[in-house]
C-alpha atoms as a PDB file:
ATOM      1  CA  MET A   1       0.000   0.000   0.000  1.00  0.00           C
ATOM      2  CA  PHE A   2       1.237   3.513  -0.778  1.00  0.00           C
ATOM      3  CA  VAL A   3       0.128   6.710   0.934  1.00  0.00           C
ATOM      4  CA  THR A   4       1.719   9.431  -1.189  1.00  0.00           C
ATOM      5  CA  LEU A   5       2.960   9.791  -4.747  1.00  0.00           C
ATOM      6  CA  LYS A   6       6.535   9.740  -3.442  1.00  0.00           C
ATOM      7  CA  ASP A   7       5.827   6.311  -1.940  1.00  0.00           C
ATOM      8  CA  LEU A   8       4.646   5.154  -5.350  1.00  0.00           C
ATOM      9  CA  GLU A   9       7.870   6.305  -6.966  1.00  0.00           C
ATOM     10  CA  LEU A  10       9.882   4.166  -4.539  1.00  0.00           C
ATOM     11  CA  ILE A  11       8.161   0.904  -5.485  1.00  0.00           C
ATOM     12  CA  LYS A  12      10.661  -1.429  -7.122  1.00  0.00           C
ATOM     13  CA  LYS A  13      10.373  -2.284 -10.841  1.00  0.00           C
ATOM     14  CA  ILE A  14       8.121   0.729 -11.548  1.00  0.00           C
ATOM     15  CA  GLY A  15       9.580   2.631 -14.453  1.00  0.00           C
ATOM     16  CA  PRO A  16       8.466   5.880 -16.099  1.00  0.00           C
ATOM     17  CA  ARG A  17       6.011   4.111 -18.417  1.00  0.00           C
ATOM     18  CA  SER A  18       4.372   2.064 -15.624  1.00  0.00           C
ATOM     19  CA  LEU A  19       4.216   5.113 -13.357  1.00  0.00           C
ATOM     20  CA  LYS A  20       2.566   7.150 -16.096  1.00  0.00           C
ATOM     21  CA  ASN A  21      -0.070   4.440 -16.680  1.00  0.00           C
ATOM     22  CA  ILE A  22      -0.830   4.124 -12.955  1.00  0.00           C
ATOM     23  CA  CYS A  23      -1.236   7.884 -12.551  1.00  0.00           C
ATOM     24  CA  LYS A  24      -3.522   8.091 -15.575  1.00  0.00           C
ATOM     25  CA  GLN A  25      -5.672   5.237 -14.263  1.00  0.00           C
ATOM     26  CA  LEU A  26      -5.988   6.764 -10.793  1.00  0.00           C
ATOM     27  CA  ALA A  27      -6.869  10.157 -12.266  1.00  0.00           C
ATOM     28  CA  MET A  28      -9.598   8.575 -14.425  1.00  0.00           C
ATOM     29  CA  GLU A  29     -11.237   6.597 -11.589  1.00  0.00           C
ATOM     30  CA  ASP A  30     -14.473   7.740  -9.996  1.00  0.00           C
ATOM     31  CA  ASN A  31     -13.356   9.164  -6.664  1.00  0.00           C
ATOM     32  CA  SER A  32     -16.703  10.535  -5.607  1.00  0.00           C
ATOM     33  CA  PRO A  33     -17.343  10.131  -1.879  1.00  0.00           C
ATOM     34  CA  SER A  34     -19.250   7.135  -0.584  1.00  0.00           C
ATOM     35  CA  LYS A  35     -23.014   7.412  -0.286  1.00  0.00           C
ATOM     36  CA  GLU A  36     -22.580   6.478   3.363  1.00  0.00           C
ATOM     37  CA  LEU A  37     -20.688   9.674   4.215  1.00  0.00           C
ATOM     38  CA  ILE A  38     -22.090  11.744   7.058  1.00  0.00           C
ATOM     39  CA  LYS A  39     -24.706  14.154   5.736  1.00  0.00           C
ATOM     40  CA  ASN A  40     -25.405  16.587   8.558  1.00  0.00           C
ATOM     41  CA  GLU A  41     -24.721  17.481  12.149  1.00  0.00           C
ATOM     42  CA  ASP A  42     -27.518  15.304  13.546  1.00  0.00           C
ATOM     43  CA  THR A  43     -25.951  12.089  12.243  1.00  0.00           C
ATOM     44  CA  LEU A  44     -22.910  12.649  14.479  1.00  0.00           C
ATOM     45  CA  ARG A  45     -25.143  11.718  17.394  1.00  0.00           C
ATOM     46  CA  GLN A  46     -25.329   8.195  15.984  1.00  0.00           C
ATOM     47  CA  PHE A  47     -21.592   7.801  16.563  1.00  0.00           C
ATOM     48  CA  ILE A  48     -21.020   9.508  19.929  1.00  0.00           C
ATOM     49  CA  THR A  49     -21.816   8.523  23.524  1.00  0.00           C
ATOM     50  CA  PRO A  50     -23.070   9.842  25.847  1.00  0.00           C
ATOM     51  CA  GLU A  51     -25.498  12.141  24.068  1.00  0.00           C
ATOM     52  CA  LEU A  52     -24.494  15.712  23.282  1.00  0.00           C
ATOM     53  CA  THR A  53     -27.006  18.313  24.425  1.00  0.00           C
ATOM     54  CA  PRO A  54     -27.464  21.716  22.736  1.00  0.00           C
ATOM     55  CA  SER A  55     -26.660  23.548  25.974  1.00  0.00           C
ATOM     56  CA  PHE A  56     -23.387  21.647  26.397  1.00  0.00           C
ATOM     57  CA  ILE A  57     -22.426  22.285  22.766  1.00  0.00           C
ATOM     58  CA  GLU A  58     -22.890  26.007  23.378  1.00  0.00           C
ATOM     59  CA  SER A  59     -20.505  25.833  26.338  1.00  0.00           C
ATOM     60  CA  ILE A  60     -17.674  24.136  24.415  1.00  0.00           C
ATOM     61  CA  SER A  61     -14.665  26.377  23.811  1.00  0.00           C
ATOM     62  CA  THR A  62     -11.968  23.739  23.203  1.00  0.00           C
ATOM     63  CA  VAL A  63     -11.984  20.130  21.995  1.00  0.00           C
ATOM     64  CA  THR A  64      -9.281  17.587  22.828  1.00  0.00           C
ATOM     65  CA  SER A  65      -8.966  14.290  20.970  1.00  0.00           C
ATOM     66  CA  MET A  66      -6.936  11.713  22.839  1.00  0.00           C
ATOM     67  CA  GLU A  67      -5.542   8.319  21.827  1.00  0.00           C
ATOM     68  CA  VAL A  68      -4.310   6.080  24.640  1.00  0.00           C
ATOM     69  CA  CYS A  69      -1.614   3.598  23.613  1.00  0.00           C
ATOM     70  CA  ILE A  70       0.659   1.123  25.363  1.00  0.00           C
ATOM     71  CA  ASP A  71       3.607   3.520  25.571  1.00  0.00           C
ATOM     72  CA  SER A  72       2.138   7.009  25.219  1.00  0.00           C
ATOM     73  CA  VAL A  73      -0.969   9.165  25.009  1.00  0.00           C
ATOM     74  CA  CYS A  74      -1.333  11.330  21.898  1.00  0.00           C
ATOM     75  CA  TYR A  75      -3.628  14.341  21.909  1.00  0.00           C
ATOM     76  CA  LEU A  76      -4.686  17.388  19.938  1.00  0.00           C
ATOM     77  CA  THR A  77      -6.567  20.364  21.365  1.00  0.00           C
ATOM     78  CA  MET A  78      -8.520  22.564  18.954  1.00  0.00           C
ATOM     79  CA  SER A  79     -10.432  25.730  19.753  1.00  0.00           C
ATOM     80  CA  ARG A  80     -14.003  26.382  18.694  1.00  0.00           C
ATOM     81  CA  ASP A  81     -12.765  28.646  15.894  1.00  0.00           C
ATOM     82  CA  MET A  82     -10.672  25.763  14.430  1.00  0.00           C
ATOM     83  CA  HIS A  83      -7.300  26.886  15.774  1.00  0.00           C
ATOM     84  CA  VAL A  84      -4.936  24.110  16.933  1.00  0.00           C
ATOM     85  CA  VAL A  85      -3.922  24.992  20.486  1.00  0.00           C
ATOM     86  CA  GLU A  86      -1.693  21.987  21.240  1.00  0.00           C
ATOM     87  CA  TRP A  87      -0.650  18.817  19.393  1.00  0.00           C
ATOM     88  CA  ASN A  88       1.700  16.501  21.203  1.00  0.00           C
ATOM     89  CA  HIS A  89       2.099  13.194  23.031  1.00  0.00           C
ATOM     90  CA  ILE A  90       2.845  12.165  26.604  1.00  0.00           C
ATOM     91  CA  ASN A  91       5.205   9.264  27.206  1.00  0.00           C
ATOM     92  CA  LEU A  92       4.037   6.826  29.864  1.00  0.00           C
ATOM     93  CA  GLN A  93       6.280   6.097  32.804  1.00  0.00           C
ATOM     94  CA  GLY A  94       8.139   2.856  33.489  1.00  0.00           C
ATOM     95  CA  SER A  95       8.097  -0.327  31.417  1.00  0.00           C
ATOM     96  CA  ASN A  96       5.959  -3.463  31.093  1.00  0.00           C
ATOM     97  CA  GLN A  97       2.862  -1.307  31.369  1.00  0.00           C
ATOM     98  CA  GLN A  98       0.642  -4.289  30.580  1.00  0.00           C
ATOM     99  CA  LYS A  99       1.718  -5.851  33.904  1.00  0.00           C
ATOM    100  CA  GLN A 100       1.018  -2.801  36.051  1.00  0.00           C
ATOM    101  CA  VAL A 101      -1.372  -3.078  38.992  1.00  0.00           C
ATOM    102  CA  PRO A 102      -4.347  -0.692  39.454  1.00  0.00           C
ATOM    103  CA  SER A 103      -2.424   1.699  41.732  1.00  0.00           C
ATOM    104  CA  GLN A 104       0.318   2.061  39.107  1.00  0.00           C
ATOM    105  CA  ILE A 105      -2.256   2.633  36.373  1.00  0.00           C
ATOM    106  CA  LEU A 106      -3.853   5.365  38.480  1.00  0.00           C
ATOM    107  CA  ASP A 107      -0.432   6.997  38.863  1.00  0.00           C
ATOM    108  CA  GLN A 108      -0.072   6.894  35.063  1.00  0.00           C
ATOM    109  CA  ALA A 109      -3.469   8.572  34.723  1.00  0.00           C
ATOM    110  CA  TYR A 110      -2.454  11.389  37.074  1.00  0.00           C
ATOM    111  CA  HIS A 111       0.811  11.769  35.125  1.00  0.00           C
ATOM    112  CA  VAL A 112      -1.116  12.132  31.854  1.00  0.00           C
ATOM    113  CA  LEU A 113      -3.655  14.510  33.373  1.00  0.00           C
ATOM    114  CA  ASP A 114      -0.881  16.767  34.691  1.00  0.00           C
ATOM    115  CA  HIS A 115       0.415  17.252  31.125  1.00  0.00           C
ATOM    116  CA  LEU A 116      -2.928  17.300  29.291  1.00  0.00           C
ATOM    117  CA  PRO A 117      -4.302  20.750  28.338  1.00  0.00           C
ATOM    118  CA  LYS A 118      -7.535  21.794  30.037  1.00  0.00           C
ATOM    119  CA  SER A 119     -10.431  21.348  27.650  1.00  0.00           C
ATOM    120  CA  SER A 120     -14.224  21.627  27.551  1.00  0.00           C
ATOM    121  CA  ILE A 121     -14.599  18.163  26.046  1.00  0.00           C
ATOM    122  CA  VAL A 122     -12.349  15.137  25.533  1.00  0.00           C
ATOM    123  CA  LEU A 123     -12.943  12.712  22.653  1.00  0.00           C
ATOM    124  CA  MET A 124     -11.784   9.092  22.565  1.00  0.00           C
ATOM    125  CA  GLU A 125     -12.203   6.937  19.480  1.00  0.00           C
ATOM    126  CA  ASN A 126     -13.435   3.387  20.023  1.00  0.00           C
ATOM    127  CA  ARG A 127     -11.419   1.046  17.804  1.00  0.00           C
ATOM    128  CA  ILE A 128     -12.551  -2.459  16.868  1.00  0.00           C
ATOM    129  CA  THR A 129      -9.769  -5.047  17.148  1.00  0.00           C
ATOM    130  CA  ARG A 130     -10.100  -8.142  14.986  1.00  0.00           C
ATOM    131  CA  LYS A 131      -6.823  -9.983  15.526  1.00  0.00           C
ATOM    132  CA  ILE A 132      -6.338 -10.766  19.211  1.00  0.00           C
ATOM    133  CA  THR A 133      -3.452 -12.752  20.691  1.00  0.00           C
ATOM    134  CA  PRO A 134      -2.831 -13.506  24.402  1.00  0.00           C
ATOM    135  CA  LEU A 135      -0.074 -10.865  24.495  1.00  0.00           C
ATOM    136  CA  TYR A 136      -2.235  -8.310  22.720  1.00  0.00           C
ATOM    137  CA  LEU A 137      -5.010  -8.956  25.241  1.00  0.00           C
ATOM    138  CA  GLN A 138      -2.677  -7.735  27.991  1.00  0.00           C
ATOM    139  CA  TYR A 139      -2.118  -4.525  26.030  1.00  0.00           C
ATOM    140  CA  ILE A 140      -5.872  -4.056  25.535  1.00  0.00           C
ATOM    141  CA  PHE A 141      -6.578  -4.561  29.240  1.00  0.00           C
ATOM    142  CA  PHE A 142      -3.929  -2.010  30.212  1.00  0.00           C
ATOM    143  CA  ILE A 143      -5.158   0.569  27.688  1.00  0.00           C
ATOM    144  CA  GLY A 144      -8.772   0.007  28.742  1.00  0.00           C
ATOM    145  CA  ARG A 145      -7.956   0.441  32.434  1.00  0.00           C
ATOM    146  CA  LEU A 146      -5.927   3.582  31.767  1.00  0.00           C
ATOM    147  CA  GLN A 147      -8.780   5.009  29.688  1.00  0.00           C
ATOM    148  CA  MET A 148     -11.241   4.313  32.508  1.00  0.00           C
ATOM    149  CA  ALA A 149      -8.921   5.939  35.056  1.00  0.00           C
ATOM    150  CA  LEU A 150      -8.525   9.029  32.857  1.00  0.00           C
ATOM    151  CA  GLN A 151     -12.251   9.223  32.220  1.00  0.00           C
ATOM    152  CA  THR A 152     -12.966   9.056  35.961  1.00  0.00           C
ATOM    153  CA  LEU A 153     -10.465  11.822  36.742  1.00  0.00           C
ATOM    154  CA  ILE A 154     -11.630  14.103  33.921  1.00  0.00           C
ATOM    155  CA  ASN A 155     -15.279  13.551  34.898  1.00  0.00           C
ATOM    156  CA  GLU A 156     -14.520  14.250  38.554  1.00  0.00           C
ATOM    157  CA  ASP A 157     -17.449  16.657  38.974  1.00  0.00           C
ATOM    158  CA  LEU A 158     -19.961  14.442  37.144  1.00  0.00           C
ATOM    159  CA  ARG A 159     -21.981  13.707  40.284  1.00  0.00           C
ATOM    160  CA  THR A 160     -22.480  17.372  41.108  1.00  0.00           C
ATOM    161  CA  SER A 161     -22.783  18.811  37.594  1.00  0.00           C
ATOM    162  CA  GLY A 162     -24.429  15.860  35.872  1.00  0.00           C
ATOM    163  CA  GLN A 163     -22.358  16.683  32.769  1.00  0.00           C
ATOM    164  CA  HIS A 164     -19.904  14.315  31.104  1.00  0.00           C
ATOM    165  CA  LYS A 165     -16.681  15.761  29.700  1.00  0.00           C
ATOM    166  CA  VAL A 166     -15.377  12.560  28.097  1.00  0.00           C
ATOM    167  CA  PHE A 167     -17.165  11.288  24.998  1.00  0.00           C
ATOM    168  CA  HIS A 168     -16.545   8.115  23.008  1.00  0.00           C
ATOM    169  CA  ILE A 169     -16.851   8.107  19.218  1.00  0.00           C
ATOM    170  CA  LYS A 170     -17.164   5.002  17.054  1.00  0.00           C
ATOM    171  CA  ASP A 171     -14.285   4.440  14.644  1.00  0.00           C
ATOM    172  CA  SER A 172     -16.806   4.329  11.795  1.00  0.00           C
ATOM    173  CA  PHE A 173     -17.240   8.106  12.230  1.00  0.00           C
ATOM    174  CA  LEU A 174     -13.747   8.892  10.924  1.00  0.00           C
ATOM    175  CA  ILE A 175     -13.845   6.052   8.407  1.00  0.00           C
ATOM    176  CA  LYS A 176     -17.038   7.362   6.815  1.00  0.00           C
ATOM    177  CA  THR A 177     -16.140  11.024   7.178  1.00  0.00           C
ATOM    178  CA  PHE A 178     -12.778  10.737   5.415  1.00  0.00           C
ATOM    179  CA  ASP A 179     -13.469   7.543   3.434  1.00  0.00           C
ATOM    180  CA  LEU A 180     -10.638   5.696   5.210  1.00  0.00           C
ATOM    181  CA  ARG A 181     -11.583   2.167   4.185  1.00  0.00           C
ATOM    182  CA  VAL A 182     -10.334  -0.126   1.457  1.00  0.00           C
ATOM    183  CA  GLY A 183     -12.296  -3.357   1.450  1.00  0.00           C
ATOM    184  CA  SER A 184     -12.720  -4.310   5.100  1.00  0.00           C
ATOM    185  CA  GLU A 185      -9.547  -2.576   6.291  1.00  0.00           C
ATOM    186  CA  ARG A 186      -9.076   0.917   7.671  1.00  0.00           C
ATOM    187  CA  VAL A 187      -6.294   2.758   5.855  1.00  0.00           C
ATOM    188  CA  SER A 188      -3.921   5.545   6.838  1.00  0.00           C
ATOM    189  CA  GLY A 189      -5.168   9.091   7.278  1.00  0.00           C
ATOM    190  CA  GLN A 190      -1.752  10.581   6.520  1.00  0.00           C
ATOM    191  CA  ASN A 191      -2.710  11.386   2.941  1.00  0.00           C
ATOM    192  CA  ILE A 192      -5.523  13.574   4.297  1.00  0.00           C
ATOM    193  CA  MET A 193      -2.993  15.227   6.597  1.00  0.00           C
ATOM    194  CA  ARG A 194      -0.745  16.027   3.654  1.00  0.00           C
ATOM    195  CA  ASP A 195      -3.630  17.661   1.789  1.00  0.00           C
ATOM    196  CA  VAL A 196      -4.636  19.699   4.845  1.00  0.00           C
ATOM    197  CA  GLN A 197      -1.044  20.842   5.330  1.00  0.00           C
ATOM    198  CA  ASN A 198      -0.837  21.908   1.683  1.00  0.00           C
ATOM    199  CA  ASP A 199      -4.144  23.789   1.797  1.00  0.00           C
ATOM    200  CA  GLN A 200      -5.325  24.543   5.348  1.00  0.00           C
ATOM    201  CA  SER A 201      -7.878  27.052   4.107  1.00  0.00           C
ATOM    202  CA  SER A 202      -9.953  24.312   2.459  1.00  0.00           C
ATOM    203  CA  GLN A 203     -10.612  22.849   5.911  1.00  0.00           C
ATOM    204  CA  ASN A 204     -11.067  26.185   7.750  1.00  0.00           C
ATOM    205  CA  VAL A 205      -8.362  25.117  10.200  1.00  0.00           C
ATOM    206  CA  SER A 206      -5.349  27.041  11.489  1.00  0.00           C
ATOM    207  CA  VAL A 207      -2.210  25.108  12.456  1.00  0.00           C
ATOM    208  CA  ALA A 208       0.958  26.869  13.611  1.00  0.00           C
ATOM    209  CA  SER A 209       4.125  25.943  11.720  1.00  0.00           C
ATOM    210  CA  LYS A 210       5.705  24.592  14.924  1.00  0.00           C
ATOM    211  CA  PHE A 211       3.055  21.876  15.095  1.00  0.00           C
ATOM    212  CA  TRP A 212       3.568  20.834  11.446  1.00  0.00           C
ATOM    213  CA  HIS A 213       7.307  20.815  12.121  1.00  0.00           C
ATOM    214  CA  ARG A 214       6.803  18.507  15.091  1.00  0.00           C
ATOM    215  CA  TYR A 215       4.479  16.210  13.109  1.00  0.00           C
ATOM    216  CA  ASN A 216       6.767  16.000  10.075  1.00  0.00           C
ATOM    217  CA  ARG A 217       9.807  15.210  12.220  1.00  0.00           C
ATOM    218  CA  LEU A 218       8.233  12.222  13.980  1.00  0.00           C
ATOM    219  CA  GLU A 219      10.495   9.252  13.307  1.00  0.00           C
ATOM    220  CA  SER A 220       7.908   6.551  13.962  1.00  0.00           C
ATOM    221  CA  ASP A 221       5.222   6.038  11.335  1.00  0.00           C
ATOM    222  CA  ILE A 222       2.999   4.533  14.033  1.00  0.00           C
ATOM    223  CA  LEU A 223       3.316   7.674  16.149  1.00  0.00           C
ATOM    224  CA  ARG A 224       2.644   9.857  13.106  1.00  0.00           C
ATOM    225  CA  GLU A 225      -0.530   7.874  12.439  1.00  0.00           C
ATOM    226  CA  ARG A 226      -1.659   8.443  16.040  1.00  0.00           C
ATOM    227  CA  TYR A 227      -1.046  12.175  15.648  1.00  0.00           C
ATOM    228  CA  ALA A 228      -3.059  12.109  12.418  1.00  0.00           C
ATOM    229  CA  SER A 229      -5.978  10.286  14.059  1.00  0.00           C
ATOM    230  CA  CYS A 230      -6.179  12.865  16.855  1.00  0.00           C
ATOM    231  CA  PHE A 231      -6.036  15.724  14.346  1.00  0.00           C
ATOM    232  CA  LEU A 232      -8.741  14.259  12.108  1.00  0.00           C
ATOM    233  CA  LEU A 233     -11.047  13.434  15.018  1.00  0.00           C
ATOM    234  CA  SER A 234     -10.934  16.995  16.381  1.00  0.00           C
ATOM    235  CA  LEU A 235     -11.281  18.405  12.864  1.00  0.00           C
ATOM    236  CA  ALA A 236     -14.286  16.243  11.991  1.00  0.00           C
ATOM    237  CA  PHE A 237     -16.013  16.983  15.289  1.00  0.00           C
ATOM    238  CA  CYS A 238     -15.517  20.758  15.045  1.00  0.00           C
ATOM    239  CA  GLN A 239     -16.629  20.959  11.433  1.00  0.00           C
ATOM    240  CA  ASN A 240     -19.760  18.930  12.096  1.00  0.00           C
ATOM    241  CA  ILE A 241     -20.724  20.598  15.369  1.00  0.00           C
ATOM    242  CA  PHE A 242     -19.578  24.212  15.048  1.00  0.00           C
ATOM    243  CA  LEU A 243     -19.681  24.793  11.289  1.00  0.00           C
ATOM    244  CA  ASN A 244     -22.553  22.416  10.523  1.00  0.00           C
ATOM    245  CA  LYS A 245     -20.423  21.437   7.568  1.00  0.00           C
ATOM    246  CA  PRO A 246     -19.935  17.716   6.891  1.00  0.00           C
ATOM    247  CA  VAL A 247     -16.300  16.903   6.268  1.00  0.00           C
ATOM    248  CA  GLY A 248     -17.457  14.420   3.648  1.00  0.00           C
ATOM    249  CA  LYS A 249     -18.108  17.334   1.297  1.00  0.00           C
ATOM    250  CA  GLN A 250     -14.468  18.309   1.641  1.00  0.00           C
ATOM    251  CA  ILE A 251     -13.337  14.958   0.265  1.00  0.00           C
ATOM    252  CA  ASN A 252     -14.282  16.150  -3.206  1.00  0.00           C
ATOM    253  CA  SER A 253     -11.927  19.133  -3.031  1.00  0.00           C
ATOM    254  CA  LEU A 254      -9.146  17.081  -1.463  1.00  0.00           C
ATOM    255  CA  ARG A 255      -9.417  14.467  -4.192  1.00  0.00           C
ATOM    256  CA  GLU A 256      -9.574  17.079  -6.905  1.00  0.00           C
ATOM    257  CA  ILE A 257      -6.178  18.270  -5.650  1.00  0.00           C
ATOM    258  CA  GLU A 258      -4.909  14.680  -5.651  1.00  0.00           C
ATOM    259  CA  ASN A 259      -6.215  14.060  -9.180  1.00  0.00           C
ATOM    260  CA  ARG A 260      -4.543  17.221 -10.456  1.00  0.00           C
ATOM    261  CA  GLN A 261      -1.257  16.047  -8.930  1.00  0.00           C
ATOM    262  CA  LEU A 262      -1.664  12.650 -10.582  1.00  0.00           C
ATOM    263  CA  SER A 263      -2.438  14.223 -13.954  1.00  0.00           C
ATOM    264  CA  ASP A 264       0.548  16.574 -13.691  1.00  0.00           C
ATOM    265  CA  LEU A 265       2.830  13.678 -12.786  1.00  0.00           C
ATOM    266  CA  ALA A 266       1.499  11.583 -15.666  1.00  0.00           C
ATOM    267  CA  GLU A 267       2.143  14.404 -18.131  1.00  0.00           C
ATOM    268  CA  SER A 268       5.668  14.985 -16.844  1.00  0.00           C
ATOM    269  CA  THR A 269       6.776  11.335 -17.115  1.00  0.00           C
END
């Protein structure tokens, strides 16, 4: 699988003629968005729990998307006016996290919370895991317990206020919003990130150069994918909730850019 045109150029045994034919074929294909793409703001409520209320939406000033992993917690905080406030990750302490006892997991949660920006709402994406091994189960249990600890700490005033601050979103939300599925598999969102970086105005989002510099310098592709997931989740949420503008409509413009790049490359080879 290739993510960018540069990746395609690195594939072995692909010469100028083959590359030209591939680019022409991709440019000719029907890249219209899936009929299942999210249509309006109301459909977001099918993917998020607990339920969002209009009064709570009005009170939101910042949105933080968070992805809890075995070795770190990635996050992105975006303001209501689509300005990226912070985009970073927090390394977890110690080693063999999957063997940590509840008290150690709680310490990890406090460590994360100390470094996490204050936010009106925190989003966590629920991923479906198909391939499970005994070792991977240990990872899942640790991640699940850390998520529960973080959710409890962030929702500390739930009993008095009655308002949740942590919301869970089905992975199908991002998949359908950005068309991130090939067959039955979810694919990388880094190509969307590249298009957003090249033309931020098309997504009505503002990202400081220091954050793009940090993202582009990440050595691990896995970590870069986690950064991308947090970015896209905050972006999709803000566009659907605050702009009442389905991100699915933006796929057309993003793919028009991609098709123009493919056509230009085909003509130059």
